[in-house]
PDB file of N, CA and C in Angstrom:
ATOM      1  N   MET A   1      -3.594 -22.629 -24.885  1.00  0.00           N
ATOM      2  CA  MET A   1      -2.219 -22.545 -25.302  1.00  0.00           C
ATOM      3  C   MET A   1      -1.473 -21.587 -24.384  1.00  0.00           C
ATOM      4  N   SER A   2      -0.243 -21.926 -24.031  1.00  0.00           N
ATOM      5  CA  SER A   2       0.530 -21.078 -23.126  1.00  0.00           C
ATOM      6  C   SER A   2       1.172 -19.915 -23.880  1.00  0.00           C
ATOM      7  N   LYS A   3       1.572 -18.910 -23.117  1.00  0.00           N
ATOM      8  CA  LYS A   3       2.234 -17.748 -23.688  1.00  0.00           C
ATOM      9  C   LYS A   3       3.610 -18.151 -24.211  1.00  0.00           C
ATOM     10  N   SER A   4       3.991 -17.607 -25.342  1.00  0.00           N
ATOM     11  CA  SER A   4       5.308 -17.915 -25.882  1.00  0.00           C
ATOM     12  C   SER A   4       6.372 -16.940 -25.396  1.00  0.00           C
ATOM     13  N   ASN A   5       5.970 -15.803 -24.844  1.00  0.00           N
ATOM     14  CA  ASN A   5       6.908 -14.823 -24.310  1.00  0.00           C
ATOM     15  C   ASN A   5       6.531 -14.580 -22.862  1.00  0.00           C
ATOM     16  N   SER A   6       7.126 -15.356 -21.968  1.00  0.00           N
ATOM     17  CA  SER A   6       6.781 -15.279 -20.558  1.00  0.00           C
ATOM     18  C   SER A   6       8.034 -15.483 -19.717  1.00  0.00           C
ATOM     19  N   VAL A   7       8.159 -14.692 -18.660  1.00  0.00           N
ATOM     20  CA  VAL A   7       9.312 -14.815 -17.776  1.00  0.00           C
ATOM     21  C   VAL A   7       8.846 -14.663 -16.333  1.00  0.00           C
ATOM     22  N   ARG A   8       9.470 -15.423 -15.433  1.00  0.00           N
ATOM     23  CA  ARG A   8       9.204 -15.333 -13.987  1.00  0.00           C
ATOM     24  C   ARG A   8      10.554 -15.308 -13.284  1.00  0.00           C
ATOM     25  N   LEU A   9      10.762 -14.295 -12.454  1.00  0.00           N
ATOM     26  CA  LEU A   9      12.020 -14.123 -11.743  1.00  0.00           C
ATOM     27  C   LEU A   9      11.756 -13.882 -10.265  1.00  0.00           C
ATOM     28  N   ILE A  10      12.664 -14.381  -9.426  1.00  0.00           N
ATOM     29  CA  ILE A  10      12.618 -14.109  -7.990  1.00  0.00           C
ATOM     30  C   ILE A  10      13.958 -13.501  -7.615  1.00  0.00           C
ATOM     31  N   GLY A  11      13.907 -12.346  -6.954  1.00  0.00           N
ATOM     32  CA  GLY A  11      15.151 -11.692  -6.571  1.00  0.00           C
ATOM     33  C   GLY A  11      14.904 -10.462  -5.726  1.00  0.00           C
ATOM     34  N   HIS A  12      15.945  -9.630  -5.613  1.00  0.00           N
ATOM     35  CA  HIS A  12      15.910  -8.418  -4.805  1.00  0.00           C
ATOM     36  C   HIS A  12      16.157  -7.196  -5.676  1.00  0.00           C
ATOM     37  N   LEU A  13      15.515  -6.086  -5.319  1.00  0.00           N
ATOM     38  CA  LEU A  13      15.719  -4.832  -6.035  1.00  0.00           C
ATOM     39  C   LEU A  13      17.108  -4.283  -5.737  1.00  0.00           C
ATOM     40  N   GLY A  14      17.786  -3.834  -6.789  1.00  0.00           N
ATOM     41  CA  GLY A  14      19.110  -3.252  -6.634  1.00  0.00           C
ATOM     42  C   GLY A  14      19.054  -1.806  -6.168  1.00  0.00           C
ATOM     43  N   GLN A  15      17.938  -1.145  -6.430  1.00  0.00           N
ATOM     44  CA  GLN A  15      17.740   0.244  -6.012  1.00  0.00           C
ATOM     45  C   GLN A  15      16.247   0.492  -5.894  1.00  0.00           C
ATOM     46  N   SER A  16      15.887   1.569  -5.249  1.00  0.00           N
ATOM     47  CA  SER A  16      14.470   1.927  -5.169  1.00  0.00           C
ATOM     48  C   SER A  16      13.952   2.252  -6.568  1.00  0.00           C
ATOM     49  N   PRO A  17      12.674   2.001  -6.832  1.00  0.00           N
ATOM     50  CA  PRO A  17      12.121   2.247  -8.168  1.00  0.00           C
ATOM     51  C   PRO A  17      12.230   3.708  -8.590  1.00  0.00           C
ATOM     52  N   GLU A  18      12.424   3.910  -9.888  1.00  0.00           N
ATOM     53  CA  GLU A  18      12.426   5.242 -10.488  1.00  0.00           C
ATOM     54  C   GLU A  18      11.058   5.459 -11.110  1.00  0.00           C
ATOM     55  N   VAL A  19      10.437   6.589 -10.805  1.00  0.00           N
ATOM     56  CA  VAL A  19       9.080   6.869 -11.253  1.00  0.00           C
ATOM     57  C   VAL A  19       9.084   8.018 -12.246  1.00  0.00           C
ATOM     58  N   LYS A  20       8.387   7.806 -13.361  1.00  0.00           N
ATOM     59  CA  LYS A  20       8.224   8.852 -14.370  1.00  0.00           C
ATOM     60  C   LYS A  20       6.760   8.889 -14.774  1.00  0.00           C
ATOM     61  N   SER A  21       6.359  10.012 -15.332  1.00  0.00           N
ATOM     62  CA  SER A  21       5.011  10.151 -15.874  1.00  0.00           C
ATOM     63  C   SER A  21       5.117  10.396 -17.370  1.00  0.00           C
ATOM     64  N   THR A  22       4.194   9.813 -18.122  1.00  0.00           N
ATOM     65  CA  THR A  22       4.153  10.051 -19.556  1.00  0.00           C
ATOM     66  C   THR A  22       3.402  11.348 -19.825  1.00  0.00           C
ATOM     67  N   SER A  23       3.391  11.785 -21.066  1.00  0.00           N
ATOM     68  CA  SER A  23       2.723  13.035 -21.425  1.00  0.00           C
ATOM     69  C   SER A  23       1.218  12.985 -21.158  1.00  0.00           C
ATOM     70  N   ASP A  24       0.640  11.761 -21.149  1.00  0.00           N
ATOM     71  CA  ASP A  24      -0.795  11.641 -20.856  1.00  0.00           C
ATOM     72  C   ASP A  24      -1.044  11.232 -19.400  1.00  0.00           C
ATOM     73  N   SER A  25      -0.095  11.572 -18.514  1.00  0.00           N
ATOM     74  CA  SER A  25      -0.204  11.397 -17.060  1.00  0.00           C
ATOM     75  C   SER A  25      -0.267   9.950 -16.591  1.00  0.00           C
ATOM     76  N   ASN A  26       0.172   9.005 -17.410  1.00  0.00           N
ATOM     77  CA  ASN A  26       0.289   7.622 -16.956  1.00  0.00           C
ATOM     78  C   ASN A  26       1.609   7.446 -16.227  1.00  0.00           C
ATOM     79  N   ILE A  27       1.622   6.548 -15.244  1.00  0.00           N
ATOM     80  CA  ILE A  27       2.816   6.316 -14.452  1.00  0.00           C
ATOM     81  C   ILE A  27       3.644   5.190 -15.070  1.00  0.00           C
ATOM     82  N   VAL A  28       4.979   5.378 -15.070  1.00  0.00           N
ATOM     83  CA  VAL A  28       5.917   4.358 -15.529  1.00  0.00           C
ATOM     84  C   VAL A  28       6.952   4.185 -14.425  1.00  0.00           C
ATOM     85  N   VAL A  29       7.089   2.968 -13.922  1.00  0.00           N
ATOM     86  CA  VAL A  29       8.020   2.682 -12.842  1.00  0.00           C
ATOM     87  C   VAL A  29       9.052   1.686 -13.348  1.00  0.00           C
ATOM     88  N   SER A  30      10.321   1.972 -13.108  1.00  0.00           N
ATOM     89  CA  SER A  30      11.370   1.049 -13.526  1.00  0.00           C
ATOM     90  C   SER A  30      12.311   0.780 -12.358  1.00  0.00           C
ATOM     91  N   PHE A  31      12.862  -0.434 -12.339  1.00  0.00           N
ATOM     92  CA  PHE A  31      13.824  -0.808 -11.304  1.00  0.00           C
ATOM     93  C   PHE A  31      14.681  -1.952 -11.809  1.00  0.00           C
ATOM     94  N   SER A  32      15.846  -2.098 -11.198  1.00  0.00           N
ATOM     95  CA  SER A  32      16.707  -3.235 -11.506  1.00  0.00           C
ATOM     96  C   SER A  32      16.495  -4.296 -10.441  1.00  0.00           C
ATOM     97  N   MET A  33      16.609  -5.529 -10.869  1.00  0.00           N
ATOM     98  CA  MET A  33      16.360  -6.657  -9.977  1.00  0.00           C
ATOM     99  C   MET A  33      17.471  -7.684 -10.176  1.00  0.00           C
ATOM    100  N   GLY A  34      18.074  -8.113  -9.084  1.00  0.00           N
ATOM    101  CA  GLY A  34      19.141  -9.099  -9.145  1.00  0.00           C
ATOM    102  C   GLY A  34      18.628 -10.492  -8.814  1.00  0.00           C
ATOM    103  N   THR A  35      19.045 -11.461  -9.634  1.00  0.00           N
ATOM    104  CA  THR A  35      18.763 -12.867  -9.349  1.00  0.00           C
ATOM    105  C   THR A  35      20.110 -13.563  -9.135  1.00  0.00           C
ATOM    106  N   HIS A  36      20.130 -14.557  -8.271  1.00  0.00           N
ATOM    107  CA  HIS A  36      21.379 -15.198  -7.883  1.00  0.00           C
ATOM    108  C   HIS A  36      21.397 -16.666  -8.298  1.00  0.00           C
ATOM    109  N   GLU A  37      22.602 -17.142  -8.586  1.00  0.00           N
ATOM    110  CA  GLU A  37      22.824 -18.555  -8.873  1.00  0.00           C
ATOM    111  C   GLU A  37      23.997 -19.011  -8.013  1.00  0.00           C
ATOM    112  N   HIS A  38      23.846 -20.167  -7.380  1.00  0.00           N
ATOM    113  CA  HIS A  38      24.901 -20.732  -6.539  1.00  0.00           C
ATOM    114  C   HIS A  38      25.354 -22.044  -7.167  1.00  0.00           C
ATOM    115  N   TYR A  39      26.668 -22.245  -7.217  1.00  0.00           N
ATOM    116  CA  TYR A  39      27.201 -23.510  -7.726  1.00  0.00           C
ATOM    117  C   TYR A  39      28.605 -23.709  -7.162  1.00  0.00           C
ATOM    118  N   SER A  40      29.142 -24.894  -7.362  1.00  0.00           N
ATOM    119  CA  SER A  40      30.508 -25.190  -6.939  1.00  0.00           C
ATOM    120  C   SER A  40      31.393 -25.275  -8.171  1.00  0.00           C
ATOM    121  N   ASP A  41      32.581 -24.666  -8.089  1.00  0.00           N
ATOM    122  CA  ASP A  41      33.508 -24.714  -9.213  1.00  0.00           C
ATOM    123  C   ASP A  41      34.293 -26.026  -9.205  1.00  0.00           C
ATOM    124  N   LYS A  42      35.256 -26.169 -10.118  1.00  0.00           N
ATOM    125  CA  LYS A  42      36.028 -27.415 -10.254  1.00  0.00           C
ATOM    126  C   LYS A  42      36.771 -27.790  -8.983  1.00  0.00           C
ATOM    127  N   GLU A  43      37.185 -26.775  -8.218  1.00  0.00           N
ATOM    128  CA  GLU A  43      37.926 -27.027  -6.981  1.00  0.00           C
ATOM    129  C   GLU A  43      37.002 -27.239  -5.781  1.00  0.00           C
ATOM    130  N   GLY A  44      35.706 -27.166  -5.990  1.00  0.00           N
ATOM    131  CA  GLY A  44      34.752 -27.371  -4.912  1.00  0.00           C
ATOM    132  C   GLY A  44      34.403 -26.108  -4.139  1.00  0.00           C
ATOM    133  N   ASN A  45      34.892 -24.961  -4.595  1.00  0.00           N
ATOM    134  CA  ASN A  45      34.570 -23.698  -3.938  1.00  0.00           C
ATOM    135  C   ASN A  45      33.154 -23.273  -4.301  1.00  0.00           C
ATOM    136  N   LYS A  46      32.447 -22.773  -3.333  1.00  0.00           N
ATOM    137  CA  LYS A  46      31.098 -22.280  -3.596  1.00  0.00           C
ATOM    138  C   LYS A  46      31.188 -20.920  -4.280  1.00  0.00           C
ATOM    139  N   VAL A  47      30.413 -20.756  -5.365  1.00  0.00           N
ATOM    140  CA  VAL A  47      30.423 -19.531  -6.153  1.00  0.00           C
ATOM    141  C   VAL A  47      29.002 -19.001  -6.233  1.00  0.00           C
ATOM    142  N   LYS A  48      28.862 -17.685  -6.086  1.00  0.00           N
ATOM    143  CA  LYS A  48      27.562 -17.031  -6.225  1.00  0.00           C
ATOM    144  C   LYS A  48      27.680 -15.989  -7.324  1.00  0.00           C
ATOM    145  N   THR A  49      26.798 -16.069  -8.316  1.00  0.00           N
ATOM    146  CA  THR A  49      26.782 -15.069  -9.380  1.00  0.00           C
ATOM    147  C   THR A  49      25.448 -14.334  -9.335  1.00  0.00           C
ATOM    148  N   THR A  50      25.473 -13.100  -9.787  1.00  0.00           N
ATOM    149  CA  THR A  50      24.260 -12.284  -9.824  1.00  0.00           C
ATOM    150  C   THR A  50      24.038 -11.783 -11.235  1.00  0.00           C
ATOM    151  N   ASP A  51      22.818 -11.935 -11.732  1.00  0.00           N
ATOM    152  CA  ASP A  51      22.407 -11.362 -13.008  1.00  0.00           C
ATOM    153  C   ASP A  51      21.435 -10.236 -12.700  1.00  0.00           C
ATOM    154  N   TRP A  52      21.553  -9.133 -13.447  1.00  0.00           N
ATOM    155  CA  TRP A  52      20.701  -7.972 -13.239  1.00  0.00           C
ATOM    156  C   TRP A  52      19.704  -7.847 -14.374  1.00  0.00           C
ATOM    157  N   HIS A  53      18.451  -7.565 -14.034  1.00  0.00           N
ATOM    158  CA  HIS A  53      17.356  -7.471 -14.995  1.00  0.00           C
ATOM    159  C   HIS A  53      16.664  -6.117 -14.815  1.00  0.00           C
ATOM    160  N   ASN A  54      16.324  -5.494 -15.933  1.00  0.00           N
ATOM    161  CA  ASN A  54      15.563  -4.239 -15.909  1.00  0.00           C
ATOM    162  C   ASN A  54      14.079  -4.573 -15.970  1.00  0.00           C
ATOM    163  N   VAL A  55      13.311  -4.020 -15.043  1.00  0.00           N
ATOM    164  CA  VAL A  55      11.874  -4.280 -14.959  1.00  0.00           C
ATOM    165  C   VAL A  55      11.138  -2.951 -15.120  1.00  0.00           C
ATOM    166  N   VAL A  56      10.058  -2.961 -15.920  1.00  0.00           N
ATOM    167  CA  VAL A  56       9.259  -1.767 -16.157  1.00  0.00           C
ATOM    168  C   VAL A  56       7.798  -2.094 -15.879  1.00  0.00           C
ATOM    169  N   ALA A  57       7.121  -1.228 -15.112  1.00  0.00           N
ATOM    170  CA  ALA A  57       5.709  -1.420 -14.773  1.00  0.00           C
ATOM    171  C   ALA A  57       4.932  -0.165 -15.131  1.00  0.00           C
ATOM    172  N   PHE A  58       3.714  -0.364 -15.591  1.00  0.00           N
ATOM    173  CA  PHE A  58       2.854   0.739 -16.009  1.00  0.00           C
ATOM    174  C   PHE A  58       1.568   0.751 -15.189  1.00  0.00           C
ATOM    175  N   GLY A  59       0.904   1.896 -15.160  1.00  0.00           N
ATOM    176  CA  GLY A  59      -0.438   2.008 -14.601  1.00  0.00           C
ATOM    177  C   GLY A  59      -0.552   1.591 -13.156  1.00  0.00           C
ATOM    178  N   LYS A  60      -1.602   0.805 -12.859  1.00  0.00           N
ATOM    179  CA  LYS A  60      -1.906   0.400 -11.488  1.00  0.00           C
ATOM    180  C   LYS A  60      -0.785  -0.431 -10.871  1.00  0.00           C
ATOM    181  N   VAL A  61      -0.233  -1.363 -11.646  1.00  0.00           N
ATOM    182  CA  VAL A  61       0.863  -2.185 -11.117  1.00  0.00           C
ATOM    183  C   VAL A  61       2.072  -1.299 -10.821  1.00  0.00           C
ATOM    184  N   GLY A  62       2.323  -0.336 -11.694  1.00  0.00           N
ATOM    185  CA  GLY A  62       3.408   0.606 -11.453  1.00  0.00           C
ATOM    186  C   GLY A  62       3.200   1.423 -10.193  1.00  0.00           C
ATOM    187  N   ALA A  63       1.975   1.870  -9.974  1.00  0.00           N
ATOM    188  CA  ALA A  63       1.661   2.646  -8.770  1.00  0.00           C
ATOM    189  C   ALA A  63       1.878   1.812  -7.506  1.00  0.00           C
ATOM    190  N   LEU A  64       1.520   0.537  -7.542  1.00  0.00           N
ATOM    191  CA  LEU A  64       1.740  -0.331  -6.384  1.00  0.00           C
ATOM    192  C   LEU A  64       3.234  -0.550  -6.150  1.00  0.00           C
ATOM    193  N   CYS A  65       3.997  -0.700  -7.227  1.00  0.00           N
ATOM    194  CA  CYS A  65       5.451  -0.836  -7.091  1.00  0.00           C
ATOM    195  C   CYS A  65       6.044   0.416  -6.459  1.00  0.00           C
ATOM    196  N   GLN A  66       5.588   1.579  -6.916  1.00  0.00           N
ATOM    197  CA  GLN A  66       6.058   2.842  -6.367  1.00  0.00           C
ATOM    198  C   GLN A  66       5.773   2.927  -4.867  1.00  0.00           C
ATOM    199  N   GLN A  67       4.609   2.460  -4.469  1.00  0.00           N
ATOM    200  CA  GLN A  67       4.184   2.573  -3.072  1.00  0.00           C
ATOM    201  C   GLN A  67       4.892   1.580  -2.159  1.00  0.00           C
ATOM    202  N   TYR A  68       5.105   0.341  -2.619  1.00  0.00           N
ATOM    203  CA  TYR A  68       5.561  -0.706  -1.715  1.00  0.00           C
ATOM    204  C   TYR A  68       7.011  -1.157  -1.879  1.00  0.00           C
ATOM    205  N   LEU A  69       7.660  -0.844  -2.995  1.00  0.00           N
ATOM    206  CA  LEU A  69       9.004  -1.359  -3.215  1.00  0.00           C
ATOM    207  C   LEU A  69      10.070  -0.350  -2.836  1.00  0.00           C
ATOM    208  N   LYS A  70      11.215  -0.868  -2.402  1.00  0.00           N
ATOM    209  CA  LYS A  70      12.385  -0.056  -2.110  1.00  0.00           C
ATOM    210  C   LYS A  70      13.616  -0.931  -2.348  1.00  0.00           C
ATOM    211  N   GLN A  71      14.760  -0.327  -2.283  1.00  0.00           N
ATOM    212  CA  GLN A  71      15.994  -1.075  -2.477  1.00  0.00           C
ATOM    213  C   GLN A  71      16.030  -2.258  -1.512  1.00  0.00           C
ATOM    214  N   GLY A  72      16.355  -3.437  -2.034  1.00  0.00           N
ATOM    215  CA  GLY A  72      16.443  -4.643  -1.217  1.00  0.00           C
ATOM    216  C   GLY A  72      15.159  -5.446  -1.135  1.00  0.00           C
ATOM    217  N   SER A  73      14.028  -4.896  -1.588  1.00  0.00           N
ATOM    218  CA  SER A  73      12.763  -5.633  -1.533  1.00  0.00           C
ATOM    219  C   SER A  73      12.891  -6.968  -2.262  1.00  0.00           C
ATOM    220  N   HIS A  74      12.318  -8.001  -1.681  1.00  0.00           N
ATOM    221  CA  HIS A  74      12.340  -9.350  -2.240  1.00  0.00           C
ATOM    222  C   HIS A  74      11.011  -9.595  -2.946  1.00  0.00           C
ATOM    223  N   VAL A  75      11.059  -9.870  -4.244  1.00  0.00           N
ATOM    224  CA  VAL A  75       9.844  -9.999  -5.034  1.00  0.00           C
ATOM    225  C   VAL A  75       9.951 -11.132  -6.051  1.00  0.00           C
ATOM    226  N   MET A  76       8.785 -11.583  -6.499  1.00  0.00           N
ATOM    227  CA  MET A  76       8.694 -12.447  -7.670  1.00  0.00           C
ATOM    228  C   MET A  76       7.943 -11.653  -8.715  1.00  0.00           C
ATOM    229  N   VAL A  77       8.518 -11.520  -9.899  1.00  0.00           N
ATOM    230  CA  VAL A  77       7.867 -10.791 -10.976  1.00  0.00           C
ATOM    231  C   VAL A  77       7.544 -11.747 -12.113  1.00  0.00           C
ATOM    232  N   GLU A  78       6.438 -11.469 -12.768  1.00  0.00           N
ATOM    233  CA  GLU A  78       6.043 -12.203 -13.969  1.00  0.00           C
ATOM    234  C   GLU A  78       5.724 -11.178 -15.044  1.00  0.00           C
ATOM    235  N   GLY A  79       6.132 -11.476 -16.245  1.00  0.00           N
ATOM    236  CA  GLY A  79       5.866 -10.562 -17.337  1.00  0.00           C
ATOM    237  C   GLY A  79       6.358 -11.113 -18.649  1.00  0.00           C
ATOM    238  N   LYS A  80       6.633 -10.194 -19.576  1.00  0.00           N
ATOM    239  CA  LYS A  80       7.133 -10.594 -20.883  1.00  0.00           C
ATOM    240  C   LYS A  80       8.405  -9.812 -21.165  1.00  0.00           C
ATOM    241  N   LEU A  81       9.255 -10.387 -21.999  1.00  0.00           N
ATOM    242  CA  LEU A  81      10.492  -9.721 -22.380  1.00  0.00           C
ATOM    243  C   LEU A  81      10.257  -8.817 -23.582  1.00  0.00           C
ATOM    244  N   LYS A  82      10.842  -7.643 -23.525  1.00  0.00           N
ATOM    245  CA  LYS A  82      10.735  -6.693 -24.625  1.00  0.00           C
ATOM    246  C   LYS A  82      12.122  -6.105 -24.860  1.00  0.00           C
ATOM    247  N   THR A  83      12.602  -6.180 -26.091  1.00  0.00           N
ATOM    248  CA  THR A  83      13.891  -5.595 -26.443  1.00  0.00           C
ATOM    249  C   THR A  83      13.640  -4.347 -27.273  1.00  0.00           C
ATOM    250  N   ARG A  84      14.275  -3.270 -26.884  1.00  0.00           N
ATOM    251  CA  ARG A  84      14.127  -2.016 -27.621  1.00  0.00           C
ATOM    252  C   ARG A  84      15.512  -1.531 -28.021  1.00  0.00           C
ATOM    253  N   SER A  85      15.557  -0.683 -29.025  1.00  0.00           N
ATOM    254  CA  SER A  85      16.829  -0.118 -29.468  1.00  0.00           C
ATOM    255  C   SER A  85      16.781   1.398 -29.287  1.00  0.00           C
ATOM    256  N   TYR A  86      17.951   1.983 -29.140  1.00  0.00           N
ATOM    257  CA  TYR A  86      18.079   3.429 -29.008  1.00  0.00           C
ATOM    258  C   TYR A  86      19.457   3.841 -29.504  1.00  0.00           C
ATOM    259  N   GLN A  87      19.631   5.113 -29.746  1.00  0.00           N
ATOM    260  CA  GLN A  87      20.908   5.669 -30.184  1.00  0.00           C
ATOM    261  C   GLN A  87      21.612   6.292 -28.981  1.00  0.00           C
ATOM    262  N   ASN A  88      22.885   5.926 -28.758  1.00  0.00           N
ATOM    263  CA  ASN A  88      23.626   6.547 -27.664  1.00  0.00           C
ATOM    264  C   ASN A  88      24.195   7.896 -28.129  1.00  0.00           C
ATOM    265  N   LYS A  89      24.931   8.570 -27.272  1.00  0.00           N
ATOM    266  CA  LYS A  89      25.451   9.906 -27.584  1.00  0.00           C
ATOM    267  C   LYS A  89      26.387   9.906 -28.789  1.00  0.00           C
ATOM    268  N   GLU A  90      27.042   8.767 -29.027  1.00  0.00           N
ATOM    269  CA  GLU A  90      27.965   8.661 -30.160  1.00  0.00           C
ATOM    270  C   GLU A  90      27.245   8.242 -31.443  1.00  0.00           C
ATOM    271  N   GLY A  91      25.914   8.090 -31.384  1.00  0.00           N
ATOM    272  CA  GLY A  91      25.148   7.721 -32.558  1.00  0.00           C
ATOM    273  C   GLY A  91      25.106   6.227 -32.841  1.00  0.00           C
ATOM    274  N   GLN A  92      25.620   5.419 -31.918  1.00  0.00           N
ATOM    275  CA  GLN A  92      25.613   3.968 -32.090  1.00  0.00           C
ATOM    276  C   GLN A  92      24.289   3.396 -31.611  1.00  0.00           C
ATOM    277  N   THR A  93      23.811   2.376 -32.304  1.00  0.00           N
ATOM    278  CA  THR A  93      22.579   1.705 -31.894  1.00  0.00           C
ATOM    279  C   THR A  93      22.887   0.754 -30.749  1.00  0.00           C
ATOM    280  N   ARG A  94      22.134   0.880 -29.682  1.00  0.00           N
ATOM    281  CA  ARG A  94      22.251   0.015 -28.500  1.00  0.00           C
ATOM    282  C   ARG A  94      20.915  -0.677 -28.285  1.00  0.00           C
ATOM    283  N   TYR A  95      20.964  -1.826 -27.618  1.00  0.00           N
ATOM    284  CA  TYR A  95      19.761  -2.597 -27.345  1.00  0.00           C
ATOM    285  C   TYR A  95      19.622  -2.824 -25.850  1.00  0.00           C
ATOM    286  N   SER A  96      18.390  -2.828 -25.382  1.00  0.00           N
ATOM    287  CA  SER A  96      18.095  -3.064 -23.978  1.00  0.00           C
ATOM    288  C   SER A  96      16.899  -4.008 -23.881  1.00  0.00           C
ATOM    289  N   THR A  97      17.065  -5.076 -23.105  1.00  0.00           N
ATOM    290  CA  THR A  97      15.968  -6.016 -22.888  1.00  0.00           C
ATOM    291  C   THR A  97      15.398  -5.782 -21.496  1.00  0.00           C
ATOM    292  N   GLU A  98      14.076  -5.640 -21.421  1.00  0.00           N
ATOM    293  CA  GLU A  98      13.388  -5.339 -20.167  1.00  0.00           C
ATOM    294  C   GLU A  98      12.289  -6.370 -19.925  1.00  0.00           C
ATOM    295  N   VAL A  99      11.958  -6.554 -18.659  1.00  0.00           N
ATOM    296  CA  VAL A  99      10.792  -7.339 -18.283  1.00  0.00           C
ATOM    297  C   VAL A  99       9.637  -6.350 -18.148  1.00  0.00           C
ATOM    298  N   ILE A 100       8.606  -6.515 -18.966  1.00  0.00           N
ATOM    299  CA  ILE A 100       7.403  -5.692 -18.848  1.00  0.00           C
ATOM    300  C   ILE A 100       6.514  -6.383 -17.823  1.00  0.00           C
ATOM    301  N   LEU A 101       6.380  -5.767 -16.669  1.00  0.00           N
ATOM    302  CA  LEU A 101       5.723  -6.381 -15.522  1.00  0.00           C
ATOM    303  C   LEU A 101       4.227  -6.544 -15.735  1.00  0.00           C
ATOM    304  N   GLU A 102       3.743  -7.759 -15.495  1.00  0.00           N
ATOM    305  CA  GLU A 102       2.313  -8.048 -15.568  1.00  0.00           C
ATOM    306  C   GLU A 102       1.753  -8.443 -14.206  1.00  0.00           C
ATOM    307  N   ASP A 103       2.591  -9.068 -13.364  1.00  0.00           N
ATOM    308  CA  ASP A 103       2.146  -9.522 -12.043  1.00  0.00           C
ATOM    309  C   ASP A 103       3.345  -9.513 -11.108  1.00  0.00           C
ATOM    310  N   ILE A 104       3.101  -9.236  -9.842  1.00  0.00           N
ATOM    311  CA  ILE A 104       4.180  -9.198  -8.857  1.00  0.00           C
ATOM    312  C   ILE A 104       3.691  -9.794  -7.549  1.00  0.00           C
ATOM    313  N   LEU A 105       4.589 -10.478  -6.865  1.00  0.00           N
ATOM    314  CA  LEU A 105       4.322 -11.024  -5.538  1.00  0.00           C
ATOM    315  C   LEU A 105       5.362 -10.434  -4.604  1.00  0.00           C
ATOM    316  N   PHE A 106       4.920  -9.706  -3.593  1.00  0.00           N
ATOM    317  CA  PHE A 106       5.835  -9.128  -2.615  1.00  0.00           C
ATOM    318  C   PHE A 106       6.211 -10.223  -1.614  1.00  0.00           C
ATOM    319  N   LEU A 107       7.495 -10.531  -1.516  1.00  0.00           N
ATOM    320  CA  LEU A 107       7.962 -11.607  -0.644  1.00  0.00           C
ATOM    321  C   LEU A 107       8.551 -11.081   0.654  1.00  0.00           C
ATOM    322  N   GLY A 108       8.662  -9.803   0.810  1.00  0.00           N
ATOM    323  CA  GLY A 108       9.240  -9.208   2.008  1.00  0.00           C
ATOM    324  C   GLY A 108      10.542  -8.526   1.661  1.00  0.00           C
ATOM    325  N   SER A 109      11.075  -7.765   2.583  1.00  0.00           N
ATOM    326  CA  SER A 109      12.332  -7.060   2.331  1.00  0.00           C
ATOM    327  C   SER A 109      13.504  -7.969   2.635  1.00  0.00           C
ATOM    328  N   LYS A 110      14.681  -7.579   2.174  1.00  0.00           N
ATOM    329  CA  LYS A 110      15.888  -8.371   2.351  1.00  0.00           C
ATOM    330  C   LYS A 110      16.193  -8.591   3.826  1.00  0.00           C
ATOM    331  N   ASP A 111      15.872  -7.616   4.671  1.00  0.00           N
ATOM    332  CA  ASP A 111      16.166  -7.735   6.088  1.00  0.00           C
ATOM    333  C   ASP A 111      14.933  -8.075   6.929  1.00  0.00           C
ATOM    334  N   SER A 112      13.858  -8.585   6.291  1.00  0.00           N
ATOM    335  CA  SER A 112      12.687  -8.973   7.074  1.00  0.00           C
ATOM    336  C   SER A 112      12.956 -10.306   7.764  1.00  0.00           C
ATOM    337  N   LYS A 113      12.245 -10.561   8.842  1.00  0.00           N
ATOM    338  CA  LYS A 113      12.429 -11.793   9.597  1.00  0.00           C
ATOM    339  C   LYS A 113      11.856 -12.975   8.828  1.00  0.00           C
ATOM    340  N   GLN A 114      12.479 -14.152   8.998  1.00  0.00           N
ATOM    341  CA  GLN A 114      11.944 -15.346   8.366  1.00  0.00           C
ATOM    342  C   GLN A 114      10.581 -15.648   8.956  1.00  0.00           C
ATOM    343  N   GLY A 115       9.698 -16.166   8.125  1.00  0.00           N
ATOM    344  CA  GLY A 115       8.362 -16.497   8.586  1.00  0.00           C
ATOM    345  C   GLY A 115       7.426 -15.313   8.570  1.00  0.00           C
ATOM    346  N   SER A 116       7.911 -14.171   8.092  1.00  0.00           N
ATOM    347  CA  SER A 116       7.067 -12.984   8.023  1.00  0.00           C
ATOM    348  C   SER A 116       5.906 -13.210   7.071  1.00  0.00           C
ATOM    349  N   THR A 117       4.777 -12.636   7.375  1.00  0.00           N
ATOM    350  CA  THR A 117       3.625 -12.775   6.507  1.00  0.00           C
ATOM    351  C   THR A 117       3.437 -11.532   5.644  1.00  0.00           C
ATOM    352  N   ASN A 118       4.558 -10.855   5.362  1.00  0.00           N
ATOM    353  CA  ASN A 118       4.528  -9.637   4.540  1.00  0.00           C
ATOM    354  C   ASN A 118       4.444 -10.013   3.064  1.00  0.00           C
ATOM    355  N   GLN A 119       3.313 -10.620   2.655  1.00  0.00           N
ATOM    356  CA  GLN A 119       3.126 -11.024   1.272  1.00  0.00           C
ATOM    357  C   GLN A 119       1.824 -10.451   0.762  1.00  0.00           C
ATOM    358  N   GLU A 120       1.853 -10.020  -0.487  1.00  0.00           N
ATOM    359  CA  GLU A 120       0.653  -9.506  -1.127  1.00  0.00           C
ATOM    360  C   GLU A 120       0.724  -9.858  -2.594  1.00  0.00           C
ATOM    361  N   ASN A 121      -0.307 -10.467  -3.095  1.00  0.00           N
ATOM    362  CA  ASN A 121      -0.355 -10.827  -4.506  1.00  0.00           C
ATOM    363  C   ASN A 121      -1.177  -9.789  -5.251  1.00  0.00           C
ATOM    364  N   ILE A 122      -0.616  -9.277  -6.313  1.00  0.00           N
ATOM    365  CA  ILE A 122      -1.316  -8.253  -7.103  1.00  0.00           C
ATOM    366  C   ILE A 122      -1.787  -8.890  -8.388  1.00  0.00           C
TER     367      ILE A 122
END
């Protein structure tokens, strides 16, 4: 049976990963990732939209993200969606949906040459 909570995205990092450690010395790495959609509007103009996704990685996968990723890196991520709630400064409940990273494929950086073999499957 297939997973009921599964997501796969291909895109570029919006910023270099942010690294934190938990109280028990585990690594937590988070980054934003943009995915693009291209389409033509009613007048035939080409339109490009970008959606931003929050990605969180733990442990060994997080350490590899910390070591190899930077702003603009081109990656494919696979994981599951997790929505959490928190209280903002005004006491209002806010929600955030994140991709909990399970697997990543490094596709090269945004400015790498085409045909580059800069790929690594984790």
